[in-house]
Amino acid sequence: MAKVIAINISDKKGIIKTSIKEGIFIEEYGLKGDAHAGKWHRQVSLLAKESIDKMIEMGVTGLVPGKFAENITTEDIVLYRLPVGTKLKIGDTVQEITQIGKECHKGCAIKQQVGKCIMPTEGVFTRVLKGGIIKPGDTIEIMKIKNR
C-alpha cells in the first residue's frame, strides 16, 4: 500500500528540506510555511523513496528524505508514471498532479551537494484541492486517473 514516509519543509527555495512530524496543507496554496507554497501549479512536490534508492545505488551517500527538496517522500507508488490530472488522497488532503519533472535551476544546492538530481525526471508536483494534515505513515490513494 502506498504511503507517506516523510513531510519536509524549508523557508527558502532551492535548498534541502527538513523533515517535520506533520504538515498542514492549505487548499490552493500548499504546505504551510514552505517556500514553494503559493497560488501556482507547483504547490507541493513529491518524490518516491524508490527514486532516492536509485541514487543510493549509483553511489550517492547521505541521502535522506528532503534531500531533493521534496515536500512529501512516498513509498510503494510510482509517481512519475501517473498522468497529469491524477487525483491523490494523501492523509486528509486531496491533491492533483500538475507536472512531472522539472528543470533544475542553475546553482541548485541539491545538485551541487548531491552531484545529480532525480527531480527533473521523477519528481511530481501537485496543487492542493482539499487541505488537511499529512503525517508519515498516512496512506496514498489514487482517486481518479485522467485520460491523456
N, C-alpha and C. Protein backbone atom coordinates (compact mmCIF):
# COMPACT_ATOMS: atom_id res chain seq x y z
N MET A 1 0.84 -1.18 0.00
CA MET A 1 0.00 0.00 0.00
C MET A 1 0.89 1.25 0.00
N ALA A 2 0.57 2.19 -0.85
CA ALA A 2 1.34 3.43 -0.96
C ALA A 2 1.18 4.26 0.30
N LYS A 3 2.30 4.85 0.75
CA LYS A 3 2.22 5.65 1.97
C LYS A 3 3.24 6.78 1.97
N VAL A 4 3.04 7.70 2.89
CA VAL A 4 3.93 8.82 3.13
C VAL A 4 4.99 8.36 4.12
N ILE A 5 6.27 8.61 3.81
CA ILE A 5 7.30 8.27 4.79
C ILE A 5 7.92 9.52 5.43
N ALA A 6 7.74 10.69 4.79
CA ALA A 6 8.26 11.92 5.41
C ALA A 6 7.54 13.14 4.84
N ILE A 7 7.42 14.17 5.70
CA ILE A 7 6.94 15.50 5.30
C ILE A 7 8.14 16.42 5.51
N ASN A 8 8.47 17.22 4.49
CA ASN A 8 9.68 18.03 4.52
C ASN A 8 9.37 19.48 4.18
N ILE A 9 10.10 20.40 4.81
CA ILE A 9 9.80 21.82 4.68
C ILE A 9 11.09 22.64 4.66
N SER A 10 11.05 23.79 3.97
CA SER A 10 12.15 24.76 4.01
C SER A 10 11.56 26.15 3.83
N ASP A 11 12.26 27.14 4.36
CA ASP A 11 11.76 28.51 4.24
C ASP A 11 12.38 29.25 3.06
N LYS A 12 13.28 28.57 2.31
CA LYS A 12 13.88 29.15 1.11
C LYS A 12 13.80 28.14 -0.02
N LYS A 13 13.71 28.63 -1.26
CA LYS A 13 13.68 27.75 -2.43
C LYS A 13 15.10 27.28 -2.76
N GLY A 14 15.18 26.08 -3.38
CA GLY A 14 16.45 25.57 -3.87
C GLY A 14 17.37 25.00 -2.81
N ILE A 15 16.85 24.79 -1.60
CA ILE A 15 17.68 24.20 -0.56
C ILE A 15 17.05 22.90 -0.07
N ILE A 16 17.87 22.11 0.61
CA ILE A 16 17.41 20.85 1.18
C ILE A 16 16.37 21.13 2.26
N LYS A 17 15.34 20.30 2.31
CA LYS A 17 14.27 20.49 3.28
C LYS A 17 14.49 19.64 4.53
N THR A 18 13.90 20.06 5.62
CA THR A 18 13.99 19.36 6.91
C THR A 18 12.68 18.62 7.16
N SER A 19 12.78 17.39 7.67
CA SER A 19 11.58 16.60 7.96
C SER A 19 10.89 17.13 9.21
N ILE A 20 9.54 17.11 9.16
CA ILE A 20 8.71 17.55 10.28
C ILE A 20 7.73 16.43 10.63
N LYS A 21 7.12 16.50 11.83
CA LYS A 21 6.23 15.44 12.31
C LYS A 21 4.90 15.39 11.57
N GLU A 22 4.41 16.55 11.12
CA GLU A 22 3.18 16.60 10.33
C GLU A 22 3.16 17.91 9.58
N GLY A 23 2.45 17.91 8.46
CA GLY A 23 2.34 19.12 7.67
C GLY A 23 0.90 19.56 7.55
N ILE A 24 0.70 20.86 7.60
CA ILE A 24 -0.63 21.42 7.37
C ILE A 24 -0.65 21.90 5.92
N PHE A 25 -1.51 21.28 5.12
CA PHE A 25 -1.60 21.61 3.70
C PHE A 25 -2.87 22.43 3.48
N ILE A 26 -2.69 23.59 2.87
CA ILE A 26 -3.77 24.56 2.70
C ILE A 26 -4.28 24.50 1.26
N GLU A 27 -5.60 24.44 1.12
CA GLU A 27 -6.25 24.37 -0.19
C GLU A 27 -5.77 25.51 -1.08
N GLU A 28 -5.42 25.14 -2.33
CA GLU A 28 -4.95 26.08 -3.36
C GLU A 28 -3.74 26.91 -2.91
N TYR A 29 -2.93 26.35 -1.97
CA TYR A 29 -1.74 27.07 -1.51
C TYR A 29 -0.54 26.14 -1.34
N GLY A 30 -0.70 25.04 -0.62
CA GLY A 30 0.41 24.12 -0.39
C GLY A 30 0.70 23.93 1.08
N LEU A 31 1.94 23.55 1.38
CA LEU A 31 2.37 23.26 2.75
C LEU A 31 2.62 24.57 3.50
N LYS A 32 1.90 24.74 4.60
CA LYS A 32 2.03 25.95 5.41
C LYS A 32 3.47 26.13 5.86
N GLY A 33 4.04 27.30 5.58
CA GLY A 33 5.40 27.62 5.99
C GLY A 33 6.49 27.23 5.01
N ASP A 34 6.11 26.58 3.90
CA ASP A 34 7.12 26.16 2.92
C ASP A 34 7.33 27.23 1.85
N ALA A 35 8.57 27.41 1.42
CA ALA A 35 8.92 28.43 0.43
C ALA A 35 8.25 28.22 -0.93
N HIS A 36 7.90 26.98 -1.27
CA HIS A 36 7.31 26.72 -2.58
C HIS A 36 5.79 26.87 -2.61
N ALA A 37 5.18 27.03 -1.46
CA ALA A 37 3.73 27.18 -1.40
C ALA A 37 3.31 28.50 -2.05
N GLY A 38 2.11 28.52 -2.59
CA GLY A 38 1.60 29.74 -3.21
C GLY A 38 0.50 29.41 -4.21
N LYS A 39 -0.02 30.42 -4.81
CA LYS A 39 -1.13 30.25 -5.77
C LYS A 39 -0.55 29.97 -7.16
N TRP A 40 -0.04 28.74 -7.35
CA TRP A 40 0.50 28.33 -8.64
C TRP A 40 0.35 26.83 -8.79
N HIS A 41 0.85 26.26 -9.86
CA HIS A 41 0.60 24.84 -10.14
C HIS A 41 1.58 23.89 -9.46
N ARG A 42 2.66 24.40 -8.86
CA ARG A 42 3.64 23.53 -8.18
C ARG A 42 3.65 23.82 -6.69
N GLN A 43 2.50 23.65 -6.06
CA GLN A 43 2.36 23.96 -4.63
C GLN A 43 3.08 22.95 -3.75
N VAL A 44 3.07 21.68 -4.16
CA VAL A 44 3.64 20.60 -3.36
C VAL A 44 4.49 19.72 -4.28
N SER A 45 5.65 19.30 -3.79
CA SER A 45 6.50 18.38 -4.56
C SER A 45 6.56 17.03 -3.86
N LEU A 46 6.55 15.98 -4.67
CA LEU A 46 6.60 14.61 -4.14
C LEU A 46 7.71 13.85 -4.84
N LEU A 47 8.36 12.98 -4.09
CA LEU A 47 9.39 12.11 -4.64
C LEU A 47 9.32 10.79 -3.90
N ALA A 48 9.44 9.69 -4.65
CA ALA A 48 9.36 8.36 -4.06
C ALA A 48 10.69 7.94 -3.46
N LYS A 49 10.63 7.22 -2.35
CA LYS A 49 11.81 6.62 -1.74
C LYS A 49 12.54 5.75 -2.75
N GLU A 50 11.78 5.09 -3.62
CA GLU A 50 12.38 4.23 -4.64
C GLU A 50 13.27 5.03 -5.59
N SER A 51 12.90 6.29 -5.87
CA SER A 51 13.74 7.16 -6.70
C SER A 51 15.02 7.53 -5.96
N ILE A 52 14.89 7.82 -4.68
CA ILE A 52 16.06 8.13 -3.86
C ILE A 52 16.99 6.91 -3.80
N ASP A 53 16.39 5.72 -3.69
CA ASP A 53 17.18 4.48 -3.66
C ASP A 53 18.00 4.30 -4.93
N LYS A 54 17.48 4.74 -6.08
CA LYS A 54 18.24 4.66 -7.34
C LYS A 54 19.53 5.46 -7.24
N MET A 55 19.46 6.63 -6.61
CA MET A 55 20.64 7.47 -6.43
C MET A 55 21.63 6.81 -5.47
N ILE A 56 21.10 6.16 -4.44
CA ILE A 56 21.97 5.45 -3.48
C ILE A 56 22.70 4.32 -4.20
N GLU A 57 21.98 3.60 -5.07
CA GLU A 57 22.59 2.51 -5.85
C GLU A 57 23.68 3.03 -6.78
N MET A 58 23.60 4.30 -7.19
CA MET A 58 24.62 4.91 -8.05
C MET A 58 25.82 5.38 -7.23
N GLY A 59 25.76 5.17 -5.91
CA GLY A 59 26.90 5.50 -5.07
C GLY A 59 26.80 6.81 -4.31
N VAL A 60 25.66 7.50 -4.41
CA VAL A 60 25.49 8.75 -3.68
C VAL A 60 25.19 8.40 -2.23
N THR A 61 25.92 9.01 -1.31
CA THR A 61 25.75 8.71 0.10
C THR A 61 25.05 9.85 0.83
N GLY A 62 24.55 9.57 2.01
CA GLY A 62 23.96 10.59 2.87
C GLY A 62 22.59 11.07 2.45
N LEU A 63 21.90 10.26 1.63
CA LEU A 63 20.57 10.69 1.18
C LEU A 63 19.50 10.34 2.20
N VAL A 64 18.70 11.31 2.53
CA VAL A 64 17.58 11.15 3.46
C VAL A 64 16.39 11.89 2.88
N PRO A 65 15.17 11.61 3.35
CA PRO A 65 14.02 12.37 2.86
C PRO A 65 14.25 13.87 3.00
N GLY A 66 13.85 14.62 1.97
CA GLY A 66 14.01 16.07 1.96
C GLY A 66 15.27 16.54 1.26
N LYS A 67 16.20 15.64 1.02
CA LYS A 67 17.49 16.00 0.41
C LYS A 67 17.30 16.54 -1.02
N PHE A 68 16.23 16.10 -1.69
CA PHE A 68 15.96 16.59 -3.04
C PHE A 68 14.91 17.70 -3.02
N ALA A 69 14.69 18.26 -1.85
CA ALA A 69 13.76 19.38 -1.64
C ALA A 69 12.31 19.01 -1.90
N GLU A 70 11.99 17.72 -1.76
CA GLU A 70 10.59 17.30 -1.90
C GLU A 70 9.84 17.55 -0.61
N ASN A 71 8.57 17.95 -0.74
CA ASN A 71 7.72 18.16 0.43
C ASN A 71 7.23 16.84 1.02
N ILE A 72 6.91 15.89 0.14
CA ILE A 72 6.39 14.61 0.60
C ILE A 72 7.25 13.50 -0.01
N THR A 73 7.82 12.67 0.86
CA THR A 73 8.55 11.49 0.40
C THR A 73 7.59 10.32 0.54
N THR A 74 7.44 9.55 -0.55
CA THR A 74 6.46 8.47 -0.61
C THR A 74 7.15 7.11 -0.70
N GLU A 75 6.33 6.07 -0.60
CA GLU A 75 6.84 4.71 -0.76
C GLU A 75 5.74 3.85 -1.38
N ASP A 76 6.14 2.93 -2.25
CA ASP A 76 5.25 1.96 -2.88
C ASP A 76 4.25 2.57 -3.86
N ILE A 77 4.65 3.66 -4.54
CA ILE A 77 3.85 4.24 -5.61
C ILE A 77 4.81 4.84 -6.65
N VAL A 78 4.59 4.53 -7.92
CA VAL A 78 5.44 5.07 -8.98
C VAL A 78 4.81 6.38 -9.46
N LEU A 79 5.17 7.44 -8.80
CA LEU A 79 4.55 8.75 -9.02
C LEU A 79 4.71 9.25 -10.45
N TYR A 80 5.92 9.18 -10.98
CA TYR A 80 6.21 9.79 -12.28
C TYR A 80 5.52 9.09 -13.46
N ARG A 81 4.93 7.94 -13.21
CA ARG A 81 4.17 7.26 -14.28
C ARG A 81 2.69 7.62 -14.26
N LEU A 82 2.26 8.35 -13.25
CA LEU A 82 0.86 8.78 -13.18
C LEU A 82 0.68 10.00 -14.07
N PRO A 83 -0.38 10.05 -14.85
CA PRO A 83 -0.56 11.20 -15.74
C PRO A 83 -0.96 12.47 -15.00
N VAL A 84 -0.59 13.60 -15.60
CA VAL A 84 -1.05 14.89 -15.11
C VAL A 84 -2.58 14.84 -15.04
N GLY A 85 -3.14 15.36 -13.97
CA GLY A 85 -4.59 15.31 -13.76
C GLY A 85 -5.02 14.24 -12.78
N THR A 86 -4.10 13.31 -12.45
CA THR A 86 -4.42 12.28 -11.47
C THR A 86 -4.66 12.91 -10.11
N LYS A 87 -5.72 12.47 -9.44
CA LYS A 87 -6.03 12.97 -8.10
C LYS A 87 -5.60 11.94 -7.08
N LEU A 88 -4.94 12.42 -6.03
CA LEU A 88 -4.44 11.56 -4.97
C LEU A 88 -5.04 11.99 -3.64
N LYS A 89 -5.50 11.02 -2.87
CA LYS A 89 -5.91 11.29 -1.49
C LYS A 89 -4.69 10.94 -0.64
N ILE A 90 -4.12 11.97 -0.01
CA ILE A 90 -2.93 11.80 0.82
C ILE A 90 -3.29 12.32 2.21
N GLY A 91 -3.32 11.42 3.20
CA GLY A 91 -3.75 11.83 4.53
C GLY A 91 -5.15 12.42 4.43
N ASP A 92 -5.33 13.61 5.01
CA ASP A 92 -6.64 14.28 4.96
C ASP A 92 -6.85 15.07 3.67
N THR A 93 -5.81 15.18 2.85
CA THR A 93 -5.87 16.07 1.68
C THR A 93 -6.28 15.36 0.40
N VAL A 94 -6.65 16.16 -0.59
CA VAL A 94 -6.81 15.70 -1.97
C VAL A 94 -5.92 16.61 -2.81
N GLN A 95 -5.04 15.99 -3.62
CA GLN A 95 -4.13 16.75 -4.46
C GLN A 95 -4.20 16.26 -5.89
N GLU A 96 -3.92 17.15 -6.81
CA GLU A 96 -3.96 16.82 -8.24
C GLU A 96 -2.57 17.00 -8.83
N ILE A 97 -2.09 15.98 -9.54
CA ILE A 97 -0.79 16.09 -10.21
C ILE A 97 -0.89 17.11 -11.34
N THR A 98 0.02 18.09 -11.30
CA THR A 98 0.01 19.17 -12.29
C THR A 98 1.25 19.16 -13.18
N GLN A 99 2.32 18.49 -12.73
CA GLN A 99 3.55 18.48 -13.51
C GLN A 99 4.40 17.29 -13.08
N ILE A 100 5.08 16.68 -14.06
CA ILE A 100 6.01 15.59 -13.78
C ILE A 100 7.39 16.06 -14.19
N GLY A 101 8.30 16.06 -13.25
CA GLY A 101 9.66 16.52 -13.51
C GLY A 101 9.76 18.03 -13.58
N LYS A 102 11.00 18.51 -13.54
CA LYS A 102 11.25 19.93 -13.67
C LYS A 102 12.72 20.12 -14.02
N GLU A 103 13.02 21.25 -14.60
CA GLU A 103 14.41 21.56 -14.92
C GLU A 103 15.07 22.12 -13.66
N CYS A 104 16.23 21.58 -13.32
CA CYS A 104 16.96 22.13 -12.17
C CYS A 104 17.50 23.50 -12.55
N HIS A 105 17.32 24.45 -11.66
CA HIS A 105 17.83 25.79 -11.94
C HIS A 105 19.32 25.85 -11.68
N LYS A 106 19.98 26.78 -12.34
CA LYS A 106 21.44 26.94 -12.19
C LYS A 106 21.76 27.26 -10.73
N GLY A 107 22.78 26.62 -10.23
CA GLY A 107 23.18 26.86 -8.85
C GLY A 107 22.34 26.13 -7.83
N CYS A 108 21.60 25.12 -8.28
CA CYS A 108 20.74 24.34 -7.38
C CYS A 108 21.59 23.68 -6.28
N ALA A 109 21.26 23.96 -5.04
CA ALA A 109 22.02 23.43 -3.90
C ALA A 109 22.00 21.91 -3.86
N ILE A 110 20.88 21.33 -4.28
CA ILE A 110 20.76 19.87 -4.26
C ILE A 110 21.75 19.26 -5.24
N LYS A 111 21.77 19.77 -6.47
CA LYS A 111 22.68 19.24 -7.48
C LYS A 111 24.13 19.46 -7.07
N GLN A 112 24.43 20.59 -6.47
CA GLN A 112 25.79 20.86 -6.02
C GLN A 112 26.22 19.91 -4.92
N GLN A 113 25.33 19.63 -3.99
CA GLN A 113 25.68 18.78 -2.86
C GLN A 113 25.62 17.30 -3.19
N VAL A 114 24.66 16.91 -4.00
CA VAL A 114 24.44 15.50 -4.29
C VAL A 114 25.16 15.07 -5.58
N GLY A 115 25.38 16.01 -6.51
CA GLY A 115 26.07 15.70 -7.76
C GLY A 115 25.12 15.48 -8.92
N LYS A 116 23.93 14.99 -8.62
CA LYS A 116 22.91 14.77 -9.63
C LYS A 116 21.57 14.91 -8.93
N CYS A 117 20.57 15.32 -9.68
CA CYS A 117 19.24 15.45 -9.09
C CYS A 117 18.26 14.58 -9.86
N ILE A 118 17.43 13.87 -9.14
CA ILE A 118 16.45 12.98 -9.77
C ILE A 118 15.10 13.68 -9.99
N MET A 119 14.93 14.86 -9.38
CA MET A 119 13.66 15.59 -9.52
C MET A 119 13.30 15.90 -10.98
N PRO A 120 14.28 16.21 -11.86
CA PRO A 120 13.89 16.53 -13.24
C PRO A 120 13.16 15.41 -13.98
N THR A 121 13.36 14.17 -13.57
CA THR A 121 12.69 13.07 -14.27
C THR A 121 11.65 12.35 -13.42
N GLU A 122 11.82 12.32 -12.11
CA GLU A 122 10.93 11.50 -11.29
C GLU A 122 10.18 12.27 -10.20
N GLY A 123 10.45 13.54 -10.05
CA GLY A 123 9.70 14.36 -9.11
C GLY A 123 8.33 14.70 -9.67
N VAL A 124 7.37 14.83 -8.81
CA VAL A 124 5.99 15.13 -9.22
C VAL A 124 5.52 16.35 -8.44
N PHE A 125 4.72 17.18 -9.09
CA PHE A 125 4.19 18.38 -8.44
C PHE A 125 2.67 18.33 -8.44
N THR A 126 2.10 18.86 -7.35
CA THR A 126 0.65 18.85 -7.22
C THR A 126 0.15 20.21 -6.74
N ARG A 127 -1.16 20.38 -6.90
CA ARG A 127 -1.83 21.50 -6.24
C ARG A 127 -2.83 20.89 -5.27
N VAL A 128 -3.08 21.60 -4.19
CA VAL A 128 -3.94 21.09 -3.13
C VAL A 128 -5.39 21.46 -3.43
N LEU A 129 -6.22 20.44 -3.68
CA LEU A 129 -7.64 20.66 -3.95
C LEU A 129 -8.45 20.71 -2.66
N LYS A 130 -8.02 19.93 -1.66
CA LYS A 130 -8.67 19.91 -0.35
C LYS A 130 -7.56 19.86 0.69
N GLY A 131 -7.54 20.84 1.56
CA GLY A 131 -6.50 20.94 2.58
C GLY A 131 -6.68 19.95 3.72
N GLY A 132 -5.66 19.86 4.55
CA GLY A 132 -5.71 19.00 5.72
C GLY A 132 -4.31 18.68 6.22
N ILE A 133 -4.24 17.74 7.12
CA ILE A 133 -2.97 17.35 7.74
C ILE A 133 -2.46 16.06 7.11
N ILE A 134 -1.15 16.01 6.90
CA ILE A 134 -0.49 14.78 6.41
C ILE A 134 0.65 14.47 7.39
N LYS A 135 0.75 13.18 7.75
CA LYS A 135 1.80 12.71 8.66
C LYS A 135 2.48 11.49 8.04
N PRO A 136 3.73 11.24 8.41
CA PRO A 136 4.36 10.00 7.99
C PRO A 136 3.50 8.82 8.41
N GLY A 137 3.37 7.85 7.51
CA GLY A 137 2.53 6.68 7.76
C GLY A 137 1.16 6.78 7.12
N ASP A 138 0.73 8.01 6.75
CA ASP A 138 -0.55 8.17 6.07
C ASP A 138 -0.54 7.46 4.72
N THR A 139 -1.68 6.94 4.32
CA THR A 139 -1.78 6.24 3.04
C THR A 139 -2.00 7.22 1.90
N ILE A 140 -1.66 6.74 0.70
CA ILE A 140 -1.86 7.49 -0.54
C ILE A 140 -2.75 6.64 -1.43
N GLU A 141 -3.83 7.23 -1.88
CA GLU A 141 -4.81 6.52 -2.70
C GLU A 141 -4.97 7.26 -4.02
N ILE A 142 -4.90 6.54 -5.13
CA ILE A 142 -5.17 7.14 -6.45
C ILE A 142 -6.68 7.21 -6.57
N MET A 143 -7.22 8.42 -6.69
CA MET A 143 -8.67 8.62 -6.75
C MET A 143 -9.21 8.52 -8.16
N LYS A 144 -8.50 9.14 -9.09
CA LYS A 144 -9.01 9.19 -10.45
C LYS A 144 -7.82 9.41 -11.38
N ILE A 145 -7.76 8.61 -12.44
CA ILE A 145 -6.72 8.81 -13.43
C ILE A 145 -7.38 9.44 -14.65
N LYS A 146 -6.94 10.63 -14.96
CA LYS A 146 -7.47 11.38 -16.10
C LYS A 146 -6.86 10.82 -17.39
N ASN A 147 -7.68 10.65 -18.40
CA ASN A 147 -7.17 10.18 -19.69
C ASN A 147 -6.27 11.24 -20.31
N ARG A 148 -5.23 10.77 -20.96
CA ARG A 148 -4.28 11.70 -21.57
C ARG A 148 -4.84 12.32 -22.81
